[in-house]
Amino acid sequence: MLQEIEHDTVSGRLAEIAEIAADLFSVTVGEVEAARSFVDDVEADSLLVIELLSHLEKRYGITIPEGELFRLVDLRSTYDVVAEHAGW
């Protein structure tokens, strides 16, 4: 039961991050979810990735060092960075 709750929480947070990224990158959630690279697959430039970082910090009340930007390459790695800094 606990694993189900944790999975639902992770799934929900992944979906939320995907929605934020899709809105910023002007693409669909499906495109964000399928992207292996935000830069290559959805043409998000470095300024959009910085903006994504800012939105995630505000949404989750966390601070992510700019040195972590290089890790925000796809949905899963972005979730991992947020999770690390949010203590999830």
PDB file of N, CA and C in Angstrom:
ATOM      1  N   MET A   1       0.830  -1.204   0.000  1.00  0.00           N
ATOM      2  CA  MET A   1       0.000   0.000   0.000  1.00  0.00           C
ATOM      3  C   MET A   1       0.868   1.258   0.000  1.00  0.00           C
ATOM      4  N   LEU A   2       1.913   1.278   0.829  1.00  0.00           N
ATOM      5  CA  LEU A   2       2.795   2.438   0.889  1.00  0.00           C
ATOM      6  C   LEU A   2       3.487   2.668  -0.447  1.00  0.00           C
ATOM      7  N   GLN A   3       3.884   1.575  -1.113  1.00  0.00           N
ATOM      8  CA  GLN A   3       4.525   1.722  -2.420  1.00  0.00           C
ATOM      9  C   GLN A   3       3.566   2.335  -3.429  1.00  0.00           C
ATOM     10  N   GLU A   4       2.283   1.967  -3.354  1.00  0.00           N
ATOM     11  CA  GLU A   4       1.278   2.543  -4.253  1.00  0.00           C
ATOM     12  C   GLU A   4       1.155   4.040  -4.023  1.00  0.00           C
ATOM     13  N   ILE A   5       1.121   4.439  -2.761  1.00  0.00           N
ATOM     14  CA  ILE A   5       1.016   5.860  -2.434  1.00  0.00           C
ATOM     15  C   ILE A   5       2.243   6.605  -2.939  1.00  0.00           C
ATOM     16  N   GLU A   6       3.438   6.037  -2.694  1.00  0.00           N
ATOM     17  CA  GLU A   6       4.664   6.673  -3.171  1.00  0.00           C
ATOM     18  C   GLU A   6       4.672   6.770  -4.678  1.00  0.00           C
ATOM     19  N   HIS A   7       4.236   5.699  -5.370  1.00  0.00           N
ATOM     20  CA  HIS A   7       4.205   5.698  -6.833  1.00  0.00           C
ATOM     21  C   HIS A   7       3.246   6.771  -7.336  1.00  0.00           C
ATOM     22  N   ASP A   8       2.059   6.865  -6.703  1.00  0.00           N
ATOM     23  CA  ASP A   8       1.089   7.884  -7.101  1.00  0.00           C
ATOM     24  C   ASP A   8       1.654   9.285  -6.894  1.00  0.00           C
ATOM     25  N   THR A   9       2.393   9.481  -5.802  1.00  0.00           N
ATOM     26  CA  THR A   9       2.992  10.783  -5.532  1.00  0.00           C
ATOM     27  C   THR A   9       4.031  11.116  -6.585  1.00  0.00           C
ATOM     28  N   VAL A  10       4.888  10.153  -6.910  1.00  0.00           N
ATOM     29  CA  VAL A  10       5.909  10.366  -7.945  1.00  0.00           C
ATOM     30  C   VAL A  10       5.234  10.640  -9.279  1.00  0.00           C
ATOM     31  N   SER A  11       4.242   9.836  -9.630  1.00  0.00           N
ATOM     32  CA  SER A  11       3.529  10.027 -10.901  1.00  0.00           C
ATOM     33  C   SER A  11       2.872  11.397 -10.972  1.00  0.00           C
ATOM     34  N   GLY A  12       2.269  11.796  -9.868  1.00  0.00           N
ATOM     35  CA  GLY A  12       1.623  13.102  -9.830  1.00  0.00           C
ATOM     36  C   GLY A  12       2.612  14.238  -9.983  1.00  0.00           C
ATOM     37  N   ARG A  13       3.754  14.116  -9.317  1.00  0.00           N
ATOM     38  CA  ARG A  13       4.774  15.159  -9.423  1.00  0.00           C
ATOM     39  C   ARG A  13       5.403  15.176 -10.807  1.00  0.00           C
ATOM     40  N   LEU A  14       5.622  14.009 -11.389  1.00  0.00           N
ATOM     41  CA  LEU A  14       6.133  13.962 -12.767  1.00  0.00           C
ATOM     42  C   LEU A  14       5.157  14.655 -13.716  1.00  0.00           C
ATOM     43  N   ALA A  15       3.873  14.367 -13.545  1.00  0.00           N
ATOM     44  CA  ALA A  15       2.845  14.980 -14.395  1.00  0.00           C
ATOM     45  C   ALA A  15       2.824  16.495 -14.214  1.00  0.00           C
ATOM     46  N   GLU A  16       2.958  16.939 -12.971  1.00  0.00           N
ATOM     47  CA  GLU A  16       2.945  18.373 -12.694  1.00  0.00           C
ATOM     48  C   GLU A  16       4.157  19.067 -13.330  1.00  0.00           C
ATOM     49  N   ILE A  17       5.326  18.460 -13.195  1.00  0.00           N
ATOM     50  CA  ILE A  17       6.531  19.026 -13.800  1.00  0.00           C
ATOM     51  C   ILE A  17       6.404  19.026 -15.320  1.00  0.00           C
ATOM     52  N   ALA A  18       5.833  17.961 -15.875  1.00  0.00           N
ATOM     53  CA  ALA A  18       5.629  17.886 -17.331  1.00  0.00           C
ATOM     54  C   ALA A  18       4.711  19.007 -17.803  1.00  0.00           C
ATOM     55  N   GLU A  19       3.662  19.303 -17.034  1.00  0.00           N
ATOM     56  CA  GLU A  19       2.751  20.385 -17.404  1.00  0.00           C
ATOM     57  C   GLU A  19       3.447  21.745 -17.365  1.00  0.00           C
ATOM     58  N   ILE A  20       4.245  21.964 -16.346  1.00  0.00           N
ATOM     59  CA  ILE A  20       4.982  23.229 -16.235  1.00  0.00           C
ATOM     60  C   ILE A  20       5.932  23.375 -17.427  1.00  0.00           C
ATOM     61  N   ALA A  21       6.677  22.312 -17.729  1.00  0.00           N
ATOM     62  CA  ALA A  21       7.630  22.355 -18.839  1.00  0.00           C
ATOM     63  C   ALA A  21       6.908  22.537 -20.174  1.00  0.00           C
ATOM     64  N   ALA A  22       5.818  21.818 -20.378  1.00  0.00           N
ATOM     65  CA  ALA A  22       5.075  21.925 -21.633  1.00  0.00           C
ATOM     66  C   ALA A  22       4.572  23.346 -21.850  1.00  0.00           C
ATOM     67  N   ASP A  23       4.072  23.958 -20.796  1.00  0.00           N
ATOM     68  CA  ASP A  23       3.589  25.331 -20.895  1.00  0.00           C
ATOM     69  C   ASP A  23       4.731  26.279 -21.266  1.00  0.00           C
ATOM     70  N   LEU A  24       5.860  26.126 -20.605  1.00  0.00           N
ATOM     71  CA  LEU A  24       7.006  27.004 -20.886  1.00  0.00           C
ATOM     72  C   LEU A  24       7.574  26.797 -22.284  1.00  0.00           C
ATOM     73  N   PHE A  25       7.642  25.529 -22.692  1.00  0.00           N
ATOM     74  CA  PHE A  25       8.270  25.204 -23.976  1.00  0.00           C
ATOM     75  C   PHE A  25       7.289  25.285 -25.146  1.00  0.00           C
ATOM     76  N   SER A  26       6.021  25.567 -24.861  1.00  0.00           N
ATOM     77  CA  SER A  26       4.962  25.653 -25.881  1.00  0.00           C
ATOM     78  C   SER A  26       4.850  24.374 -26.699  1.00  0.00           C
ATOM     79  N   VAL A  27       4.821  23.243 -25.974  1.00  0.00           N
ATOM     80  CA  VAL A  27       4.635  21.936 -26.591  1.00  0.00           C
ATOM     81  C   VAL A  27       3.612  21.176 -25.755  1.00  0.00           C
ATOM     82  N   THR A  28       3.271  19.974 -26.178  1.00  0.00           N
ATOM     83  CA  THR A  28       2.317  19.168 -25.414  1.00  0.00           C
ATOM     84  C   THR A  28       3.035  18.435 -24.276  1.00  0.00           C
ATOM     85  N   VAL A  29       2.242  18.012 -23.305  1.00  0.00           N
ATOM     86  CA  VAL A  29       2.789  17.212 -22.208  1.00  0.00           C
ATOM     87  C   VAL A  29       3.412  15.936 -22.765  1.00  0.00           C
ATOM     88  N   GLY A  30       2.757  15.346 -23.753  1.00  0.00           N
ATOM     89  CA  GLY A  30       3.285  14.130 -24.376  1.00  0.00           C
ATOM     90  C   GLY A  30       4.659  14.342 -24.987  1.00  0.00           C
ATOM     91  N   GLU A  31       4.875  15.501 -25.586  1.00  0.00           N
ATOM     92  CA  GLU A  31       6.190  15.796 -26.168  1.00  0.00           C
ATOM     93  C   GLU A  31       7.252  15.929 -25.075  1.00  0.00           C
ATOM     94  N   VAL A  32       6.879  16.540 -23.961  1.00  0.00           N
ATOM     95  CA  VAL A  32       7.818  16.664 -22.842  1.00  0.00           C
ATOM     96  C   VAL A  32       8.138  15.275 -22.298  1.00  0.00           C
ATOM     97  N   GLU A  33       7.109  14.453 -22.125  1.00  0.00           N
ATOM     98  CA  GLU A  33       7.314  13.111 -21.587  1.00  0.00           C
ATOM     99  C   GLU A  33       8.185  12.256 -22.505  1.00  0.00           C
ATOM    100  N   ALA A  34       8.055  12.431 -23.800  1.00  0.00           N
ATOM    101  CA  ALA A  34       8.809  11.622 -24.765  1.00  0.00           C
ATOM    102  C   ALA A  34      10.215  12.151 -25.034  1.00  0.00           C
ATOM    103  N   ALA A  35      10.469  13.398 -24.690  1.00  0.00           N
ATOM    104  CA  ALA A  35      11.754  14.024 -25.010  1.00  0.00           C
ATOM    105  C   ALA A  35      12.907  13.351 -24.274  1.00  0.00           C
ATOM    106  N   ARG A  36      13.924  12.986 -25.015  1.00  0.00           N
ATOM    107  CA  ARG A  36      15.158  12.490 -24.409  1.00  0.00           C
ATOM    108  C   ARG A  36      16.068  13.661 -24.082  1.00  0.00           C
ATOM    109  N   SER A  37      15.815  14.775 -24.760  1.00  0.00           N
ATOM    110  CA  SER A  37      16.566  16.008 -24.526  1.00  0.00           C
ATOM    111  C   SER A  37      15.637  17.180 -24.795  1.00  0.00           C
ATOM    112  N   PHE A  38      15.432  18.018 -23.780  1.00  0.00           N
ATOM    113  CA  PHE A  38      14.593  19.191 -23.992  1.00  0.00           C
ATOM    114  C   PHE A  38      15.152  20.068 -25.105  1.00  0.00           C
ATOM    115  N   VAL A  39      16.456  20.211 -25.157  1.00  0.00           N
ATOM    116  CA  VAL A  39      17.087  21.075 -26.157  1.00  0.00           C
ATOM    117  C   VAL A  39      16.904  20.500 -27.560  1.00  0.00           C
ATOM    118  N   ASP A  40      17.183  19.227 -27.731  1.00  0.00           N
ATOM    119  CA  ASP A  40      17.132  18.624 -29.066  1.00  0.00           C
ATOM    120  C   ASP A  40      15.718  18.280 -29.517  1.00  0.00           C
ATOM    121  N   ASP A  41      14.896  17.776 -28.604  1.00  0.00           N
ATOM    122  CA  ASP A  41      13.598  17.236 -29.006  1.00  0.00           C
ATOM    123  C   ASP A  41      12.446  18.231 -28.973  1.00  0.00           C
ATOM    124  N   VAL A  42      12.494  19.210 -28.067  1.00  0.00           N
ATOM    125  CA  VAL A  42      11.416  20.203 -28.020  1.00  0.00           C
ATOM    126  C   VAL A  42      11.952  21.619 -28.221  1.00  0.00           C
ATOM    127  N   GLU A  43      13.210  21.698 -28.623  1.00  0.00           N
ATOM    128  CA  GLU A  43      13.864  22.958 -28.971  1.00  0.00           C
ATOM    129  C   GLU A  43      13.802  24.004 -27.863  1.00  0.00           C
ATOM    130  N   ALA A  44      13.978  23.551 -26.621  1.00  0.00           N
ATOM    131  CA  ALA A  44      14.034  24.467 -25.479  1.00  0.00           C
ATOM    132  C   ALA A  44      15.466  24.999 -25.382  1.00  0.00           C
ATOM    133  N   ASP A  45      15.614  26.304 -25.485  1.00  0.00           N
ATOM    134  CA  ASP A  45      16.960  26.871 -25.367  1.00  0.00           C
ATOM    135  C   ASP A  45      17.328  27.030 -23.891  1.00  0.00           C
ATOM    136  N   SER A  46      18.556  27.444 -23.651  1.00  0.00           N
ATOM    137  CA  SER A  46      19.049  27.534 -22.272  1.00  0.00           C
ATOM    138  C   SER A  46      18.247  28.526 -21.433  1.00  0.00           C
ATOM    139  N   LEU A  47      17.731  29.586 -22.050  1.00  0.00           N
ATOM    140  CA  LEU A  47      16.916  30.545 -21.299  1.00  0.00           C
ATOM    141  C   LEU A  47      15.613  29.913 -20.819  1.00  0.00           C
ATOM    142  N   LEU A  48      15.017  29.059 -21.646  1.00  0.00           N
ATOM    143  CA  LEU A  48      13.798  28.373 -21.228  1.00  0.00           C
ATOM    144  C   LEU A  48      14.079  27.385 -20.104  1.00  0.00           C
ATOM    145  N   VAL A  49      15.235  26.735 -20.150  1.00  0.00           N
ATOM    146  CA  VAL A  49      15.592  25.800 -19.079  1.00  0.00           C
ATOM    147  C   VAL A  49      15.813  26.563 -17.769  1.00  0.00           C
ATOM    148  N   ILE A  50      16.419  27.747 -17.847  1.00  0.00           N
ATOM    149  CA  ILE A  50      16.581  28.592 -16.655  1.00  0.00           C
ATOM    150  C   ILE A  50      15.206  28.999 -16.125  1.00  0.00           C
ATOM    151  N   GLU A  51      14.299  29.328 -17.033  1.00  0.00           N
ATOM    152  CA  GLU A  51      12.945  29.695 -16.618  1.00  0.00           C
ATOM    153  C   GLU A  51      12.230  28.507 -15.972  1.00  0.00           C
ATOM    154  N   LEU A  52      12.458  27.305 -16.506  1.00  0.00           N
ATOM    155  CA  LEU A  52      11.887  26.096 -15.907  1.00  0.00           C
ATOM    156  C   LEU A  52      12.409  25.930 -14.482  1.00  0.00           C
ATOM    157  N   LEU A  53      13.696  26.104 -14.303  1.00  0.00           N
ATOM    158  CA  LEU A  53      14.307  26.018 -12.973  1.00  0.00           C
ATOM    159  C   LEU A  53      13.624  26.988 -12.019  1.00  0.00           C
ATOM    160  N   SER A  54      13.418  28.216 -12.459  1.00  0.00           N
ATOM    161  CA  SER A  54      12.785  29.239 -11.630  1.00  0.00           C
ATOM    162  C   SER A  54      11.348  28.841 -11.261  1.00  0.00           C
ATOM    163  N   HIS A  55      10.589  28.358 -12.230  1.00  0.00           N
ATOM    164  CA  HIS A  55       9.208  27.941 -11.959  1.00  0.00           C
ATOM    165  C   HIS A  55       9.171  26.786 -10.955  1.00  0.00           C
ATOM    166  N   LEU A  56      10.082  25.851 -11.096  1.00  0.00           N
ATOM    167  CA  LEU A  56      10.109  24.701 -10.192  1.00  0.00           C
ATOM    168  C   LEU A  56      10.480  25.126  -8.779  1.00  0.00           C
ATOM    169  N   GLU A  57      11.413  26.056  -8.675  1.00  0.00           N
ATOM    170  CA  GLU A  57      11.785  26.575  -7.350  1.00  0.00           C
ATOM    171  C   GLU A  57      10.585  27.226  -6.671  1.00  0.00           C
ATOM    172  N   LYS A  58       9.861  28.048  -7.415  1.00  0.00           N
ATOM    173  CA  LYS A  58       8.694  28.725  -6.853  1.00  0.00           C
ATOM    174  C   LYS A  58       7.598  27.726  -6.501  1.00  0.00           C
ATOM    175  N   ARG A  59       7.329  26.794  -7.390  1.00  0.00           N
ATOM    176  CA  ARG A  59       6.244  25.833  -7.177  1.00  0.00           C
ATOM    177  C   ARG A  59       6.486  24.978  -5.936  1.00  0.00           C
ATOM    178  N   TYR A  60       7.730  24.548  -5.747  1.00  0.00           N
ATOM    179  CA  TYR A  60       8.026  23.617  -4.658  1.00  0.00           C
ATOM    180  C   TYR A  60       8.722  24.265  -3.468  1.00  0.00           C
ATOM    181  N   GLY A  61       8.927  25.580  -3.504  1.00  0.00           N
ATOM    182  CA  GLY A  61       9.520  26.282  -2.376  1.00  0.00           C
ATOM    183  C   GLY A  61      10.933  25.830  -2.063  1.00  0.00           C
ATOM    184  N   ILE A  62      11.710  25.626  -3.110  1.00  0.00           N
ATOM    185  CA  ILE A  62      13.082  25.136  -2.944  1.00  0.00           C
ATOM    186  C   ILE A  62      14.056  26.049  -3.678  1.00  0.00           C
ATOM    187  N   THR A  63      15.330  25.844  -3.424  1.00  0.00           N
ATOM    188  CA  THR A  63      16.379  26.536  -4.164  1.00  0.00           C
ATOM    189  C   THR A  63      17.234  25.477  -4.847  1.00  0.00           C
ATOM    190  N   ILE A  64      17.383  25.621  -6.140  1.00  0.00           N
ATOM    191  CA  ILE A  64      18.213  24.707  -6.920  1.00  0.00           C
ATOM    192  C   ILE A  64      19.390  25.520  -7.449  1.00  0.00           C
ATOM    193  N   PRO A  65      20.610  25.149  -7.106  1.00  0.00           N
ATOM    194  CA  PRO A  65      21.776  25.900  -7.594  1.00  0.00           C
ATOM    195  C   PRO A  65      21.833  25.892  -9.125  1.00  0.00           C
ATOM    196  N   GLU A  66      22.268  27.010  -9.698  1.00  0.00           N
ATOM    197  CA  GLU A  66      22.353  27.094 -11.156  1.00  0.00           C
ATOM    198  C   GLU A  66      23.285  26.048 -11.743  1.00  0.00           C
ATOM    199  N   GLY A  67      24.215  25.560 -10.938  1.00  0.00           N
ATOM    200  CA  GLY A  67      25.109  24.503 -11.397  1.00  0.00           C
ATOM    201  C   GLY A  67      24.386  23.213 -11.744  1.00  0.00           C
ATOM    202  N   GLU A  68      23.138  23.098 -11.326  1.00  0.00           N
ATOM    203  CA  GLU A  68      22.333  21.910 -11.617  1.00  0.00           C
ATOM    204  C   GLU A  68      21.634  22.008 -12.982  1.00  0.00           C
ATOM    205  N   LEU A  69      21.705  23.156 -13.625  1.00  0.00           N
ATOM    206  CA  LEU A  69      21.022  23.343 -14.917  1.00  0.00           C
ATOM    207  C   LEU A  69      21.377  22.268 -15.926  1.00  0.00           C
ATOM    208  N   PHE A  70      22.639  21.857 -15.950  1.00  0.00           N
ATOM    209  CA  PHE A  70      23.076  20.873 -16.935  1.00  0.00           C
ATOM    210  C   PHE A  70      22.359  19.534 -16.766  1.00  0.00           C
ATOM    211  N   ARG A  71      21.780  19.314 -15.597  1.00  0.00           N
ATOM    212  CA  ARG A  71      21.069  18.058 -15.335  1.00  0.00           C
ATOM    213  C   ARG A  71      19.617  18.089 -15.794  1.00  0.00           C
ATOM    214  N   LEU A  72      19.084  19.255 -16.103  1.00  0.00           N
ATOM    215  CA  LEU A  72      17.678  19.370 -16.510  1.00  0.00           C
ATOM    216  C   LEU A  72      17.552  19.074 -18.004  1.00  0.00           C
ATOM    217  N   VAL A  73      17.793  17.835 -18.377  1.00  0.00           N
ATOM    218  CA  VAL A  73      17.806  17.482 -19.796  1.00  0.00           C
ATOM    219  C   VAL A  73      16.527  16.818 -20.277  1.00  0.00           C
ATOM    220  N   ASP A  74      15.828  16.146 -19.374  1.00  0.00           N
ATOM    221  CA  ASP A  74      14.574  15.499 -19.731  1.00  0.00           C
ATOM    222  C   ASP A  74      13.680  15.472 -18.488  1.00  0.00           C
ATOM    223  N   LEU A  75      12.498  14.925 -18.636  1.00  0.00           N
ATOM    224  CA  LEU A  75      11.537  14.968 -17.538  1.00  0.00           C
ATOM    225  C   LEU A  75      12.044  14.215 -16.309  1.00  0.00           C
ATOM    226  N   ARG A  76      12.540  13.022 -16.492  1.00  0.00           N
ATOM    227  CA  ARG A  76      12.954  12.218 -15.344  1.00  0.00           C
ATOM    228  C   ARG A  76      14.129  12.845 -14.605  1.00  0.00           C
ATOM    229  N   SER A  77      15.117  13.327 -15.356  1.00  0.00           N
ATOM    230  CA  SER A  77      16.269  13.933 -14.683  1.00  0.00           C
ATOM    231  C   SER A  77      15.867  15.231 -13.994  1.00  0.00           C
ATOM    232  N   THR A  78      14.925  15.950 -14.568  1.00  0.00           N
ATOM    233  CA  THR A  78      14.426  17.171 -13.936  1.00  0.00           C
ATOM    234  C   THR A  78      13.712  16.822 -12.636  1.00  0.00           C
ATOM    235  N   TYR A  79      12.879  15.795 -12.671  1.00  0.00           N
ATOM    236  CA  TYR A  79      12.220  15.331 -11.452  1.00  0.00           C
ATOM    237  C   TYR A  79      13.260  14.956 -10.399  1.00  0.00           C
ATOM    238  N   ASP A  80      14.306  14.233 -10.809  1.00  0.00           N
ATOM    239  CA  ASP A  80      15.337  13.794  -9.864  1.00  0.00           C
ATOM    240  C   ASP A  80      16.016  14.974  -9.182  1.00  0.00           C
ATOM    241  N   VAL A  81      16.311  16.026  -9.941  1.00  0.00           N
ATOM    242  CA  VAL A  81      16.937  17.221  -9.363  1.00  0.00           C
ATOM    243  C   VAL A  81      15.997  17.874  -8.353  1.00  0.00           C
ATOM    244  N   VAL A  82      14.740  18.032  -8.742  1.00  0.00           N
ATOM    245  CA  VAL A  82      13.762  18.643  -7.835  1.00  0.00           C
ATOM    246  C   VAL A  82      13.607  17.786  -6.580  1.00  0.00           C
ATOM    247  N   ALA A  83      13.509  16.481  -6.752  1.00  0.00           N
ATOM    248  CA  ALA A  83      13.329  15.571  -5.617  1.00  0.00           C
ATOM    249  C   ALA A  83      14.506  15.669  -4.648  1.00  0.00           C
ATOM    250  N   GLU A  84      15.718  15.744  -5.170  1.00  0.00           N
ATOM    251  CA  GLU A  84      16.900  15.860  -4.320  1.00  0.00           C
ATOM    252  C   GLU A  84      16.852  17.121  -3.449  1.00  0.00           C
ATOM    253  N   HIS A  85      16.466  18.224  -4.074  1.00  0.00           N
ATOM    254  CA  HIS A  85      16.478  19.504  -3.367  1.00  0.00           C
ATOM    255  C   HIS A  85      15.232  19.697  -2.494  1.00  0.00           C
ATOM    256  N   ALA A  86      14.161  18.962  -2.814  1.00  0.00           N
ATOM    257  CA  ALA A  86      12.936  19.054  -2.011  1.00  0.00           C
ATOM    258  C   ALA A  86      12.936  18.026  -0.881  1.00  0.00           C
ATOM    259  N   GLY A  87      13.865  17.086  -0.939  1.00  0.00           N
ATOM    260  CA  GLY A  87      13.920  16.059   0.085  1.00  0.00           C
ATOM    261  C   GLY A  87      12.850  14.994  -0.045  1.00  0.00           C
ATOM    262  N   TRP A  88      12.425  14.700  -1.266  1.00  0.00           N
ATOM    263  CA  TRP A  88      11.382  13.689  -1.489  1.00  0.00           C
ATOM    264  C   TRP A  88      11.994  12.314  -1.471  1.00  0.00           C
TER     265      TRP A  88
END
